[in-house]
């Protein structure tokens, strides 16, 4: 491990009678694309517990490129009615023959629509939850973070997603960080908990406009990465590349119509890969897929896909148009041609 969590203290509260409703049987599934499920050790309950600025250079230096399959995700956010979701699913299914086979694809509907989408969306697409719960003040040296109570009104647990056989979960999105106060530490725990329950994770990182302009972009994203790395068990590192996707989304480019320049994106992605190489392993750095998200659409995706360290896209508004989303998925061929794969 990069860092070790503080030793646990004794939990003083008694387990709730809702334990059985919350805690599900320990089943290992290989639910992710190309990932091997982590064989669970004996479950350990958690207990309650209490850099300098860098300026971006003007040129892009390609340090290394990823080796994973191109991956595109559609984040539907808090959008959709029964009628509009039905129409979107039908349009996506109609586009399956048109989507290149060299691209992995997932869609993130709302929790209300997730069962319908899972049941009716073509198996060419994976489904992905938009969030999962973790008890933020738990301290667990095993990095499992299983709660002993279900008294968390309104939340969705990784155990529930595991039971529904939902293969992916999106964590750390900037909207949850900024609007709901999720810290880097909470996101790290969520990643560890989701991985413990066999879910593949798309973890979002990114800087604000103020952080970009004051030259602290890399301080911010490295801190976000470190919070995840410290929580992933050593035994998980070997499968990180296939089970943890990193989505770089500069906050100032999300839903604003502003898109980071290709040079800015390539620089950040290569820095992320370098960080993984230096702090996790070279193999993980090469295998980890790094998506770009931030006003990606059918018009600009091809230019971005030519960059060697962009392994896919996390798409917001454009993913609500099935035809446009299919076109973005097909940017995979542009990427493979550009990098000679």
C-alpha atoms as a PDB file:
ATOM      1  CA  UNK A   1       0.000   0.000   0.000  1.00  0.00           C
ATOM      2  CA  UNK A   2       1.081   3.540  -0.558  1.00  0.00           C
ATOM      3  CA  UNK A   3      -0.282   4.612   2.806  1.00  0.00           C
ATOM      4  CA  UNK A   4      -1.717   2.634   5.688  1.00  0.00           C
ATOM      5  CA  UNK A   5      -4.973   3.595   7.362  1.00  0.00           C
ATOM      6  CA  UNK A   6      -4.980   4.267  11.075  1.00  0.00           C
ATOM      7  CA  UNK A   7      -5.631   1.220  13.273  1.00  0.00           C
ATOM      8  CA  UNK A   8      -9.293   0.635  14.081  1.00  0.00           C
ATOM      9  CA  UNK A   9     -10.915   1.657  17.298  1.00  0.00           C
ATOM     10  CA  UNK A  10     -13.834  -0.033  18.993  1.00  0.00           C
ATOM     11  CA  UNK A  11     -17.302   0.658  17.613  1.00  0.00           C
ATOM     12  CA  UNK A  12     -19.544   1.727  20.425  1.00  0.00           C
ATOM     13  CA  UNK A  13     -22.902   1.541  18.708  1.00  0.00           C
ATOM     14  CA  UNK A  14     -24.812  -1.728  18.464  1.00  0.00           C
ATOM     15  CA  UNK A  15     -25.572  -3.278  15.088  1.00  0.00           C
ATOM     16  CA  UNK A  16     -28.987  -2.395  13.749  1.00  0.00           C
ATOM     17  CA  UNK A  17     -31.714  -4.953  13.263  1.00  0.00           C
ATOM     18  CA  UNK A  18     -31.657  -4.000   9.598  1.00  0.00           C
ATOM     19  CA  UNK A  19     -28.299  -5.711   9.181  1.00  0.00           C
ATOM     20  CA  UNK A  20     -29.669  -8.568   7.123  1.00  0.00           C
ATOM     21  CA  UNK A  21     -31.398  -6.192   4.761  1.00  0.00           C
ATOM     22  CA  UNK A  22     -28.177  -4.286   4.165  1.00  0.00           C
ATOM     23  CA  UNK A  23     -25.511  -6.967   4.229  1.00  0.00           C
ATOM     24  CA  UNK A  24     -25.741  -9.560   1.491  1.00  0.00           C
ATOM     25  CA  UNK A  25     -24.020 -12.870   1.009  1.00  0.00           C
ATOM     26  CA  UNK A  26     -20.393 -12.714  -0.063  1.00  0.00           C
ATOM     27  CA  UNK A  27     -20.352 -13.628  -3.700  1.00  0.00           C
ATOM     28  CA  UNK A  28     -17.484 -13.027  -6.029  1.00  0.00           C
ATOM     29  CA  UNK A  29     -18.420 -12.233  -9.581  1.00  0.00           C
ATOM     30  CA  UNK A  30     -16.316 -11.335 -12.535  1.00  0.00           C
ATOM     31  CA  UNK A  31     -18.616  -8.577 -13.679  1.00  0.00           C
ATOM     32  CA  UNK A  32     -16.199  -6.179 -15.336  1.00  0.00           C
ATOM     33  CA  UNK A  33     -14.911  -6.227 -18.880  1.00  0.00           C
ATOM     34  CA  UNK A  34     -11.645  -8.124 -18.809  1.00  0.00           C
ATOM     35  CA  UNK A  35     -11.195  -7.897 -15.060  1.00  0.00           C
ATOM     36  CA  UNK A  36     -10.612 -10.735 -12.621  1.00  0.00           C
ATOM     37  CA  UNK A  37     -12.726 -10.590  -9.512  1.00  0.00           C
ATOM     38  CA  UNK A  38     -10.956 -10.135  -6.240  1.00  0.00           C
ATOM     39  CA  UNK A  39     -11.293 -13.182  -4.009  1.00  0.00           C
ATOM     40  CA  UNK A  40     -12.566 -11.890  -0.719  1.00  0.00           C
ATOM     41  CA  UNK A  41     -10.708 -12.606   2.466  1.00  0.00           C
ATOM     42  CA  UNK A  42     -12.528 -12.915   5.780  1.00  0.00           C
ATOM     43  CA  UNK A  43     -14.707  -9.831   6.105  1.00  0.00           C
ATOM     44  CA  UNK A  44     -13.505  -7.253   8.582  1.00  0.00           C
ATOM     45  CA  UNK A  45     -15.931  -4.654   9.871  1.00  0.00           C
ATOM     46  CA  UNK A  46     -14.835  -1.063   9.941  1.00  0.00           C
ATOM     47  CA  UNK A  47     -14.949   1.055  13.051  1.00  0.00           C
ATOM     48  CA  UNK A  48     -15.680   4.732  13.493  1.00  0.00           C
ATOM     49  CA  UNK A  49     -12.748   7.041  13.811  1.00  0.00           C
ATOM     50  CA  UNK A  50     -12.171  10.312  13.938  1.00  0.00           C
ATOM     51  CA  UNK A  51       2.959  20.676  -3.116  1.00  0.00           C
ATOM     52  CA  UNK A  52       4.008  23.484  -4.813  1.00  0.00           C
ATOM     53  CA  UNK A  53       2.446  25.185  -7.841  1.00  0.00           C
ATOM     54  CA  UNK A  54       3.240  23.972 -11.327  1.00  0.00           C
ATOM     55  CA  UNK A  55       2.717  25.853 -14.534  1.00  0.00           C
ATOM     56  CA  UNK A  56       1.664  23.940 -17.614  1.00  0.00           C
ATOM     57  CA  UNK A  57       4.348  23.814 -20.321  1.00  0.00           C
ATOM     58  CA  UNK A  58       3.422  24.995 -23.762  1.00  0.00           C
ATOM     59  CA  UNK A  59       4.297  21.749 -25.532  1.00  0.00           C
ATOM     60  CA  UNK A  60       3.016  18.208 -25.124  1.00  0.00           C
ATOM     61  CA  UNK A  61       5.406  15.389 -24.306  1.00  0.00           C
ATOM     62  CA  UNK A  62       4.025  11.880 -24.815  1.00  0.00           C
ATOM     63  CA  UNK A  63       5.588   9.771 -22.088  1.00  0.00           C
ATOM     64  CA  UNK A  64       3.716   6.517 -22.548  1.00  0.00           C
ATOM     65  CA  UNK A  65       0.393   5.430 -23.883  1.00  0.00           C
ATOM     66  CA  UNK A  66      -2.182   3.014 -22.564  1.00  0.00           C
ATOM     67  CA  UNK A  67      -2.679  -0.532 -23.768  1.00  0.00           C
ATOM     68  CA  UNK A  68      -6.339  -0.986 -22.794  1.00  0.00           C
ATOM     69  CA  UNK A  69      -9.381  -1.053 -25.060  1.00  0.00           C
ATOM     70  CA  UNK A  70     -11.024   2.245 -25.864  1.00  0.00           C
ATOM     71  CA  UNK A  71     -13.933   2.841 -23.472  1.00  0.00           C
ATOM     72  CA  UNK A  72     -16.819   5.288 -23.763  1.00  0.00           C
ATOM     73  CA  UNK A  73     -19.376   5.988 -21.058  1.00  0.00           C
ATOM     74  CA  UNK A  74     -22.612   7.934 -21.117  1.00  0.00           C
ATOM     75  CA  UNK A  75     -23.522   9.722 -17.893  1.00  0.00           C
ATOM     76  CA  UNK A  76     -27.242  10.460 -18.062  1.00  0.00           C
ATOM     77  CA  UNK A  77     -27.065  12.353 -14.757  1.00  0.00           C
ATOM     78  CA  UNK A  78     -30.443  13.426 -13.298  1.00  0.00           C
ATOM     79  CA  UNK A  79     -32.250  13.220 -16.619  1.00  0.00           C
ATOM     80  CA  UNK A  80     -35.031  11.110 -18.020  1.00  0.00           C
ATOM     81  CA  UNK A  81     -38.678  10.151 -17.822  1.00  0.00           C
ATOM     82  CA  UNK A  82     -40.090   6.698 -18.473  1.00  0.00           C
ATOM     83  CA  UNK A  83     -40.931   7.780 -22.014  1.00  0.00           C
ATOM     84  CA  UNK A  84     -37.592   9.465 -22.807  1.00  0.00           C
ATOM     85  CA  UNK A  85     -35.526   6.630 -21.333  1.00  0.00           C
ATOM     86  CA  UNK A  86     -37.526   4.081 -23.339  1.00  0.00           C
ATOM     87  CA  UNK A  87     -36.897   6.093 -26.499  1.00  0.00           C
ATOM     88  CA  UNK A  88     -33.167   6.444 -25.742  1.00  0.00           C
ATOM     89  CA  UNK A  89     -32.795   2.714 -25.088  1.00  0.00           C
ATOM     90  CA  UNK A  90     -34.545   1.938 -28.374  1.00  0.00           C
ATOM     91  CA  UNK A  91     -32.266   4.332 -30.274  1.00  0.00           C
ATOM     92  CA  UNK A  92     -29.126   2.866 -28.686  1.00  0.00           C
ATOM     93  CA  UNK A  93     -30.261  -0.668 -29.480  1.00  0.00           C
ATOM     94  CA  UNK A  94     -30.930   0.359 -33.079  1.00  0.00           C
ATOM     95  CA  UNK A  95     -27.353   1.652 -33.311  1.00  0.00           C
ATOM     96  CA  UNK A  96     -25.671  -1.529 -32.074  1.00  0.00           C
ATOM     97  CA  UNK A  97     -24.774  -2.749 -35.606  1.00  0.00           C
ATOM     98  CA  UNK A  98     -23.159   0.630 -36.293  1.00  0.00           C
ATOM     99  CA  UNK A  99     -20.903   0.695 -33.230  1.00  0.00           C
ATOM    100  CA  UNK A 100     -17.336  -0.482 -33.721  1.00  0.00           C
ATOM    101  CA  UNK A 101     -16.495  -3.728 -31.957  1.00  0.00           C
ATOM    102  CA  UNK A 102     -13.165  -2.359 -30.705  1.00  0.00           C
ATOM    103  CA  UNK A 103     -14.813  -0.158 -28.076  1.00  0.00           C
ATOM    104  CA  UNK A 104     -16.201  -0.941 -24.617  1.00  0.00           C
ATOM    105  CA  UNK A 105     -19.342   1.025 -23.765  1.00  0.00           C
ATOM    106  CA  UNK A 106     -21.323   1.723 -20.607  1.00  0.00           C
ATOM    107  CA  UNK A 107     -24.371   3.835 -19.777  1.00  0.00           C
ATOM    108  CA  UNK A 108     -25.199   5.459 -16.436  1.00  0.00           C
ATOM    109  CA  UNK A 109     -28.948   5.898 -15.990  1.00  0.00           C
ATOM    110  CA  UNK A 110     -30.545   7.239 -12.828  1.00  0.00           C
ATOM    111  CA  UNK A 111     -31.166   4.725 -10.051  1.00  0.00           C
ATOM    112  CA  UNK A 112     -34.903   4.828 -10.783  1.00  0.00           C
ATOM    113  CA  UNK A 113     -34.328   3.837 -14.400  1.00  0.00           C
ATOM    114  CA  UNK A 114     -31.405   1.462 -13.842  1.00  0.00           C
ATOM    115  CA  UNK A 115     -33.465  -1.788 -13.595  1.00  0.00           C
ATOM    116  CA  UNK A 116     -35.405  -0.953 -16.772  1.00  0.00           C
ATOM    117  CA  UNK A 117     -32.222  -0.070 -18.662  1.00  0.00           C
ATOM    118  CA  UNK A 118     -30.441  -3.199 -17.466  1.00  0.00           C
ATOM    119  CA  UNK A 119     -33.369  -5.318 -18.600  1.00  0.00           C
ATOM    120  CA  UNK A 120     -33.945  -3.676 -21.981  1.00  0.00           C
ATOM    121  CA  UNK A 121     -30.624  -2.237 -23.180  1.00  0.00           C
ATOM    122  CA  UNK A 122     -28.707  -4.469 -25.576  1.00  0.00           C
ATOM    123  CA  UNK A 123     -25.896  -6.448 -23.953  1.00  0.00           C
ATOM    124  CA  UNK A 124     -23.462  -4.548 -26.197  1.00  0.00           C
ATOM    125  CA  UNK A 125     -23.737  -1.849 -23.541  1.00  0.00           C
ATOM    126  CA  UNK A 126     -22.821  -2.285 -19.908  1.00  0.00           C
ATOM    127  CA  UNK A 127     -24.858  -0.506 -17.253  1.00  0.00           C
ATOM    128  CA  UNK A 128     -23.196   1.672 -14.660  1.00  0.00           C
ATOM    129  CA  UNK A 129     -24.605   3.131 -11.448  1.00  0.00           C
ATOM    130  CA  UNK A 130     -23.999   6.834 -10.836  1.00  0.00           C
ATOM    131  CA  UNK A 131     -22.910   6.461  -7.220  1.00  0.00           C
ATOM    132  CA  UNK A 132     -22.726   4.111  -4.250  1.00  0.00           C
ATOM    133  CA  UNK A 133     -22.717   4.705  -0.529  1.00  0.00           C
ATOM    134  CA  UNK A 134     -19.966   4.311   2.033  1.00  0.00           C
ATOM    135  CA  UNK A 135     -20.026   5.243   5.711  1.00  0.00           C
ATOM    136  CA  UNK A 136     -17.561   8.114   5.594  1.00  0.00           C
ATOM    137  CA  UNK A 137     -16.190   7.920   9.137  1.00  0.00           C
ATOM    138  CA  UNK A 138     -15.374   4.219   9.099  1.00  0.00           C
ATOM    139  CA  UNK A 139     -11.738   3.242   9.577  1.00  0.00           C
ATOM    140  CA  UNK A 140     -10.903  -0.188   8.199  1.00  0.00           C
ATOM    141  CA  UNK A 141      -7.338  -1.482   7.742  1.00  0.00           C
ATOM    142  CA  UNK A 142      -8.724  -4.122   5.370  1.00  0.00           C
ATOM    143  CA  UNK A 143     -10.157  -1.373   3.116  1.00  0.00           C
ATOM    144  CA  UNK A 144     -13.577  -3.045   2.837  1.00  0.00           C
ATOM    145  CA  UNK A 145     -15.729  -0.419   4.592  1.00  0.00           C
ATOM    146  CA  UNK A 146     -18.762  -2.630   5.074  1.00  0.00           C
ATOM    147  CA  UNK A 147     -21.266  -1.002   7.432  1.00  0.00           C
ATOM    148  CA  UNK A 148     -23.096  -3.052  10.053  1.00  0.00           C
ATOM    149  CA  UNK A 149     -26.308  -1.090   9.695  1.00  0.00           C
ATOM    150  CA  UNK A 150     -28.689  -0.167   6.924  1.00  0.00           C
ATOM    151  CA  UNK A 151     -29.846   3.052   8.587  1.00  0.00           C
ATOM    152  CA  UNK A 152     -28.786   5.345   5.726  1.00  0.00           C
ATOM    153  CA  UNK A 153     -32.014   6.665   4.253  1.00  0.00           C
ATOM    154  CA  UNK A 154     -31.889   7.431   0.554  1.00  0.00           C
ATOM    155  CA  UNK A 155     -28.546   5.741  -0.136  1.00  0.00           C
ATOM    156  CA  UNK A 156     -27.622   2.871  -2.455  1.00  0.00           C
ATOM    157  CA  UNK A 157     -25.010   0.380  -1.290  1.00  0.00           C
ATOM    158  CA  UNK A 158     -22.394  -1.474  -3.300  1.00  0.00           C
ATOM    159  CA  UNK A 159     -23.942  -4.675  -1.924  1.00  0.00           C
ATOM    160  CA  UNK A 160     -27.213  -3.780  -3.641  1.00  0.00           C
ATOM    161  CA  UNK A 161     -25.472  -3.128  -6.939  1.00  0.00           C
ATOM    162  CA  UNK A 162     -23.629  -6.418  -6.564  1.00  0.00           C
ATOM    163  CA  UNK A 163     -26.914  -8.210  -5.945  1.00  0.00           C
ATOM    164  CA  UNK A 164     -28.416  -6.637  -9.092  1.00  0.00           C
ATOM    165  CA  UNK A 165     -25.302  -7.649 -11.054  1.00  0.00           C
ATOM    166  CA  UNK A 166     -24.577  -4.080 -12.071  1.00  0.00           C
ATOM    167  CA  UNK A 167     -20.959  -4.273 -13.279  1.00  0.00           C
ATOM    168  CA  UNK A 168     -19.854  -0.619 -13.057  1.00  0.00           C
ATOM    169  CA  UNK A 169     -20.213   2.330 -10.727  1.00  0.00           C
ATOM    170  CA  UNK A 170     -19.263   5.968 -11.329  1.00  0.00           C
ATOM    171  CA  UNK A 171     -17.625   7.611  -8.310  1.00  0.00           C
ATOM    172  CA  UNK A 172     -16.183  11.009  -7.437  1.00  0.00           C
ATOM    173  CA  UNK A 173     -17.978  13.034 -10.094  1.00  0.00           C
ATOM    174  CA  UNK A 174     -17.276  16.735  -9.668  1.00  0.00           C
ATOM    175  CA  UNK A 175     -20.965  17.485  -9.203  1.00  0.00           C
ATOM    176  CA  UNK A 176     -20.990  15.279  -6.127  1.00  0.00           C
ATOM    177  CA  UNK A 177     -17.707  16.738  -4.899  1.00  0.00           C
ATOM    178  CA  UNK A 178     -18.794  20.352  -5.300  1.00  0.00           C
ATOM    179  CA  UNK A 179     -22.546  20.180  -4.641  1.00  0.00           C
ATOM    180  CA  UNK A 180     -22.622  17.446  -2.004  1.00  0.00           C
ATOM    181  CA  UNK A 181     -19.262  17.960  -0.339  1.00  0.00           C
ATOM    182  CA  UNK A 182     -17.670  14.602  -1.137  1.00  0.00           C
ATOM    183  CA  UNK A 183     -14.019  14.740  -0.149  1.00  0.00           C
ATOM    184  CA  UNK A 184     -11.090  12.968  -1.753  1.00  0.00           C
ATOM    185  CA  UNK A 185     -10.993  10.639   1.265  1.00  0.00           C
ATOM    186  CA  UNK A 186     -14.666   9.681   0.908  1.00  0.00           C
ATOM    187  CA  UNK A 187     -14.197   8.982  -2.786  1.00  0.00           C
ATOM    188  CA  UNK A 188     -11.206   6.766  -1.998  1.00  0.00           C
ATOM    189  CA  UNK A 189     -13.250   4.748   0.487  1.00  0.00           C
ATOM    190  CA  UNK A 190     -16.097   4.435  -2.000  1.00  0.00           C
ATOM    191  CA  UNK A 191     -13.693   3.041  -4.590  1.00  0.00           C
ATOM    192  CA  UNK A 192     -12.292   0.495  -2.137  1.00  0.00           C
ATOM    193  CA  UNK A 193     -15.752  -0.581  -0.981  1.00  0.00           C
ATOM    194  CA  UNK A 194     -17.047  -0.950  -4.539  1.00  0.00           C
ATOM    195  CA  UNK A 195     -14.007  -2.960  -5.599  1.00  0.00           C
ATOM    196  CA  UNK A 196     -14.435  -5.222  -2.560  1.00  0.00           C
ATOM    197  CA  UNK A 197     -17.904  -6.050  -3.833  1.00  0.00           C
ATOM    198  CA  UNK A 198     -16.668  -6.869  -7.330  1.00  0.00           C
ATOM    199  CA  UNK A 199     -17.700  -3.673  -9.080  1.00  0.00           C
ATOM    200  CA  UNK A 200     -15.530  -2.034 -11.683  1.00  0.00           C
ATOM    201  CA  UNK A 201     -15.106   1.654 -10.951  1.00  0.00           C
ATOM    202  CA  UNK A 202     -14.972   4.797 -13.055  1.00  0.00           C
ATOM    203  CA  UNK A 203     -13.399   7.380 -10.748  1.00  0.00           C
ATOM    204  CA  UNK A 204     -13.626  11.031 -11.750  1.00  0.00           C
ATOM    205  CA  UNK A 205     -10.915  13.601 -11.096  1.00  0.00           C
ATOM    206  CA  UNK A 206     -10.415  17.168 -12.264  1.00  0.00           C
ATOM    207  CA  UNK A 207      -9.647  20.753 -11.375  1.00  0.00           C
ATOM    208  CA  UNK A 208     -11.733  23.907 -11.209  1.00  0.00           C
ATOM    209  CA  UNK A 209     -11.138  26.935 -13.443  1.00  0.00           C
ATOM    210  CA  UNK A 210      -9.524  28.763 -10.525  1.00  0.00           C
ATOM    211  CA  UNK A 211      -7.157  25.848  -9.900  1.00  0.00           C
ATOM    212  CA  UNK A 212      -6.306  25.674 -13.606  1.00  0.00           C
ATOM    213  CA  UNK A 213      -5.569  29.403 -13.754  1.00  0.00           C
ATOM    214  CA  UNK A 214      -3.461  29.508 -10.585  1.00  0.00           C
ATOM    215  CA  UNK A 215      -1.287  26.621 -11.779  1.00  0.00           C
ATOM    216  CA  UNK A 216      -2.320  23.959  -9.258  1.00  0.00           C
ATOM    217  CA  UNK A 217      -3.985  21.510 -11.654  1.00  0.00           C
ATOM    218  CA  UNK A 218      -1.508  18.735 -10.944  1.00  0.00           C
ATOM    219  CA  UNK A 219      -1.503  19.309  -7.200  1.00  0.00           C
ATOM    220  CA  UNK A 220      -5.263  18.800  -7.250  1.00  0.00           C
ATOM    221  CA  UNK A 221      -5.448  15.718  -9.428  1.00  0.00           C
ATOM    222  CA  UNK A 222      -2.465  14.006  -7.779  1.00  0.00           C
ATOM    223  CA  UNK A 223      -4.128  14.496  -4.391  1.00  0.00           C
ATOM    224  CA  UNK A 224      -7.314  12.968  -5.784  1.00  0.00           C
ATOM    225  CA  UNK A 225      -5.371  10.010  -7.195  1.00  0.00           C
ATOM    226  CA  UNK A 226      -3.475   9.490  -3.952  1.00  0.00           C
ATOM    227  CA  UNK A 227      -6.733   9.247  -2.005  1.00  0.00           C
ATOM    228  CA  UNK A 228      -7.776   6.367  -4.268  1.00  0.00           C
ATOM    229  CA  UNK A 229      -4.398   4.635  -4.349  1.00  0.00           C
ATOM    230  CA  UNK A 230      -4.090   4.552  -0.552  1.00  0.00           C
ATOM    231  CA  UNK A 231      -7.386   2.677  -0.296  1.00  0.00           C
ATOM    232  CA  UNK A 232      -6.853   0.011  -2.928  1.00  0.00           C
ATOM    233  CA  UNK A 233      -5.583  -3.141  -1.296  1.00  0.00           C
ATOM    234  CA  UNK A 234      -2.163  -4.401  -2.424  1.00  0.00           C
ATOM    235  CA  UNK A 235      -3.867  -7.534  -3.732  1.00  0.00           C
ATOM    236  CA  UNK A 236      -5.987  -5.323  -5.962  1.00  0.00           C
ATOM    237  CA  UNK A 237      -3.120  -3.570  -7.698  1.00  0.00           C
ATOM    238  CA  UNK A 238      -2.653  -6.410 -10.175  1.00  0.00           C
ATOM    239  CA  UNK A 239      -6.202  -5.922 -11.473  1.00  0.00           C
ATOM    240  CA  UNK A 240      -6.368  -2.131 -11.172  1.00  0.00           C
ATOM    241  CA  UNK A 241      -5.746  -1.620 -14.875  1.00  0.00           C
ATOM    242  CA  UNK A 242      -8.803  -3.616 -15.897  1.00  0.00           C
ATOM    243  CA  UNK A 243     -11.150  -2.723 -13.045  1.00  0.00           C
ATOM    244  CA  UNK A 244     -10.501   0.977 -12.327  1.00  0.00           C
ATOM    245  CA  UNK A 245     -11.040   3.543 -15.073  1.00  0.00           C
ATOM    246  CA  UNK A 246      -9.939   7.124 -14.470  1.00  0.00           C
ATOM    247  CA  UNK A 247     -12.058   9.890 -15.979  1.00  0.00           C
ATOM    248  CA  UNK A 248     -10.334  13.256 -16.178  1.00  0.00           C
ATOM    249  CA  UNK A 249     -13.017  15.931 -16.270  1.00  0.00           C
ATOM    250  CA  UNK A 250     -11.877  19.523 -15.840  1.00  0.00           C
ATOM    251  CA  UNK A 251     -14.746  21.074 -13.924  1.00  0.00           C
ATOM    252  CA  UNK A 252     -14.617  24.237 -16.006  1.00  0.00           C
ATOM    253  CA  UNK A 253     -15.382  22.219 -19.150  1.00  0.00           C
ATOM    254  CA  UNK A 254     -18.340  20.188 -17.881  1.00  0.00           C
ATOM    255  CA  UNK A 255     -21.591  21.293 -19.440  1.00  0.00           C
ATOM    256  CA  UNK A 256     -20.172  24.709 -20.289  1.00  0.00           C
ATOM    257  CA  UNK A 257     -19.488  24.164 -23.958  1.00  0.00           C
ATOM    258  CA  UNK A 258     -15.816  24.825 -23.251  1.00  0.00           C
ATOM    259  CA  UNK A 259     -13.468  22.019 -24.187  1.00  0.00           C
ATOM    260  CA  UNK A 260      -9.890  21.708 -23.026  1.00  0.00           C
ATOM    261  CA  UNK A 261      -7.469  21.928 -25.942  1.00  0.00           C
ATOM    262  CA  UNK A 262      -6.000  18.657 -27.170  1.00  0.00           C
ATOM    263  CA  UNK A 263      -2.628  19.802 -25.832  1.00  0.00           C
ATOM    264  CA  UNK A 264      -4.073  20.419 -22.358  1.00  0.00           C
ATOM    265  CA  UNK A 265      -5.818  17.052 -22.295  1.00  0.00           C
ATOM    266  CA  UNK A 266      -2.800  15.098 -23.517  1.00  0.00           C
ATOM    267  CA  UNK A 267      -0.557  16.778 -20.984  1.00  0.00           C
ATOM    268  CA  UNK A 268      -2.824  15.950 -18.049  1.00  0.00           C
ATOM    269  CA  UNK A 269      -3.429  12.384 -19.192  1.00  0.00           C
ATOM    270  CA  UNK A 270       0.285  11.709 -19.614  1.00  0.00           C
ATOM    271  CA  UNK A 271       0.947  13.185 -16.163  1.00  0.00           C
ATOM    272  CA  UNK A 272      -1.707  10.889 -14.691  1.00  0.00           C
ATOM    273  CA  UNK A 273      -0.055   7.884 -16.337  1.00  0.00           C
ATOM    274  CA  UNK A 274       3.342   8.973 -15.054  1.00  0.00           C
ATOM    275  CA  UNK A 275       1.919   9.308 -11.547  1.00  0.00           C
ATOM    276  CA  UNK A 276       0.529   5.779 -11.705  1.00  0.00           C
ATOM    277  CA  UNK A 277       3.874   4.454 -12.910  1.00  0.00           C
ATOM    278  CA  UNK A 278       5.745   6.139 -10.079  1.00  0.00           C
ATOM    279  CA  UNK A 279       3.242   5.472  -7.293  1.00  0.00           C
ATOM    280  CA  UNK A 280       1.556   2.191  -8.227  1.00  0.00           C
ATOM    281  CA  UNK A 281       3.409   0.304 -10.983  1.00  0.00           C
ATOM    282  CA  UNK A 282       4.447   0.524 -14.626  1.00  0.00           C
ATOM    283  CA  UNK A 283       2.033  -2.277 -15.526  1.00  0.00           C
ATOM    284  CA  UNK A 284      -0.895  -0.480 -13.906  1.00  0.00           C
ATOM    285  CA  UNK A 285       0.077   2.776 -15.649  1.00  0.00           C
ATOM    286  CA  UNK A 286      -0.041   1.086 -19.046  1.00  0.00           C
ATOM    287  CA  UNK A 287      -3.206  -0.908 -18.398  1.00  0.00           C
ATOM    288  CA  UNK A 288      -5.299   1.801 -16.747  1.00  0.00           C
ATOM    289  CA  UNK A 289      -7.713   3.457 -19.121  1.00  0.00           C
ATOM    290  CA  UNK A 290      -7.968   7.238 -18.831  1.00  0.00           C
ATOM    291  CA  UNK A 291     -11.087   8.871 -20.222  1.00  0.00           C
ATOM    292  CA  UNK A 292     -11.599  12.520 -21.016  1.00  0.00           C
ATOM    293  CA  UNK A 293     -14.877  14.202 -20.139  1.00  0.00           C
ATOM    294  CA  UNK A 294     -15.901  17.806 -20.610  1.00  0.00           C
ATOM    295  CA  UNK A 295     -18.383  18.835 -23.312  1.00  0.00           C
ATOM    296  CA  UNK A 296     -17.370  15.925 -25.566  1.00  0.00           C
ATOM    297  CA  UNK A 297     -19.702  15.624 -28.543  1.00  0.00           C
ATOM    298  CA  UNK A 298     -19.949  14.036 -31.978  1.00  0.00           C
ATOM    299  CA  UNK A 299     -18.179  17.008 -33.566  1.00  0.00           C
ATOM    300  CA  UNK A 300     -15.032  17.199 -31.413  1.00  0.00           C
ATOM    301  CA  UNK A 301     -14.500  13.575 -30.389  1.00  0.00           C
ATOM    302  CA  UNK A 302     -12.398  12.585 -33.417  1.00  0.00           C
ATOM    303  CA  UNK A 303      -9.744  15.239 -32.816  1.00  0.00           C
ATOM    304  CA  UNK A 304      -9.494  14.305 -29.141  1.00  0.00           C
ATOM    305  CA  UNK A 305      -9.370  10.575 -29.921  1.00  0.00           C
ATOM    306  CA  UNK A 306      -6.155  11.048 -31.898  1.00  0.00           C
ATOM    307  CA  UNK A 307      -4.232  11.688 -28.675  1.00  0.00           C
ATOM    308  CA  UNK A 308      -2.192   8.746 -27.483  1.00  0.00           C
ATOM    309  CA  UNK A 309      -3.132   8.937 -23.812  1.00  0.00           C
ATOM    310  CA  UNK A 310      -6.877   9.367 -24.292  1.00  0.00           C
ATOM    311  CA  UNK A 311      -8.353   5.907 -23.874  1.00  0.00           C
ATOM    312  CA  UNK A 312     -11.968   6.966 -24.213  1.00  0.00           C
ATOM    313  CA  UNK A 313     -14.600   9.481 -23.186  1.00  0.00           C
ATOM    314  CA  UNK A 314     -17.050  10.081 -20.375  1.00  0.00           C
ATOM    315  CA  UNK A 315     -19.918  11.841 -22.112  1.00  0.00           C
ATOM    316  CA  UNK A 316     -22.609  13.943 -20.468  1.00  0.00           C
ATOM    317  CA  UNK A 317     -25.302  15.756 -22.433  1.00  0.00           C
ATOM    318  CA  UNK A 318     -24.409  14.193 -25.788  1.00  0.00           C
ATOM    319  CA  UNK A 319     -25.063  10.714 -24.353  1.00  0.00           C
ATOM    320  CA  UNK A 320     -28.785  11.529 -24.200  1.00  0.00           C
ATOM    321  CA  UNK A 321     -28.857  11.409 -28.006  1.00  0.00           C
ATOM    322  CA  UNK A 322     -28.445   7.797 -29.050  1.00  0.00           C
ATOM    323  CA  UNK A 323     -27.196   8.565 -32.561  1.00  0.00           C
ATOM    324  CA  UNK A 324     -24.604  11.064 -31.334  1.00  0.00           C
ATOM    325  CA  UNK A 325     -23.448   8.699 -28.597  1.00  0.00           C
ATOM    326  CA  UNK A 326     -22.907   5.930 -31.153  1.00  0.00           C
ATOM    327  CA  UNK A 327     -20.819   8.311 -33.260  1.00  0.00           C
ATOM    328  CA  UNK A 328     -18.672   9.157 -30.235  1.00  0.00           C
ATOM    329  CA  UNK A 329     -18.121   5.449 -29.570  1.00  0.00           C
ATOM    330  CA  UNK A 330     -16.813   5.077 -33.111  1.00  0.00           C
ATOM    331  CA  UNK A 331     -14.024   7.536 -32.385  1.00  0.00           C
ATOM    332  CA  UNK A 332     -12.271   4.390 -31.147  1.00  0.00           C
ATOM    333  CA  UNK A 333     -11.168   3.621 -34.705  1.00  0.00           C
ATOM    334  CA  UNK A 334      -9.648   7.099 -35.016  1.00  0.00           C
ATOM    335  CA  UNK A 335      -7.716   6.461 -31.810  1.00  0.00           C
ATOM    336  CA  UNK A 336      -6.374   3.069 -32.811  1.00  0.00           C
ATOM    337  CA  UNK A 337      -5.289   4.370 -36.202  1.00  0.00           C
ATOM    338  CA  UNK A 338      -3.566   7.405 -34.646  1.00  0.00           C
ATOM    339  CA  UNK A 339      -1.558   5.346 -32.142  1.00  0.00           C
ATOM    340  CA  UNK A 340      -0.796   2.523 -34.565  1.00  0.00           C
ATOM    341  CA  UNK A 341      -2.815  -0.182 -32.860  1.00  0.00           C
END
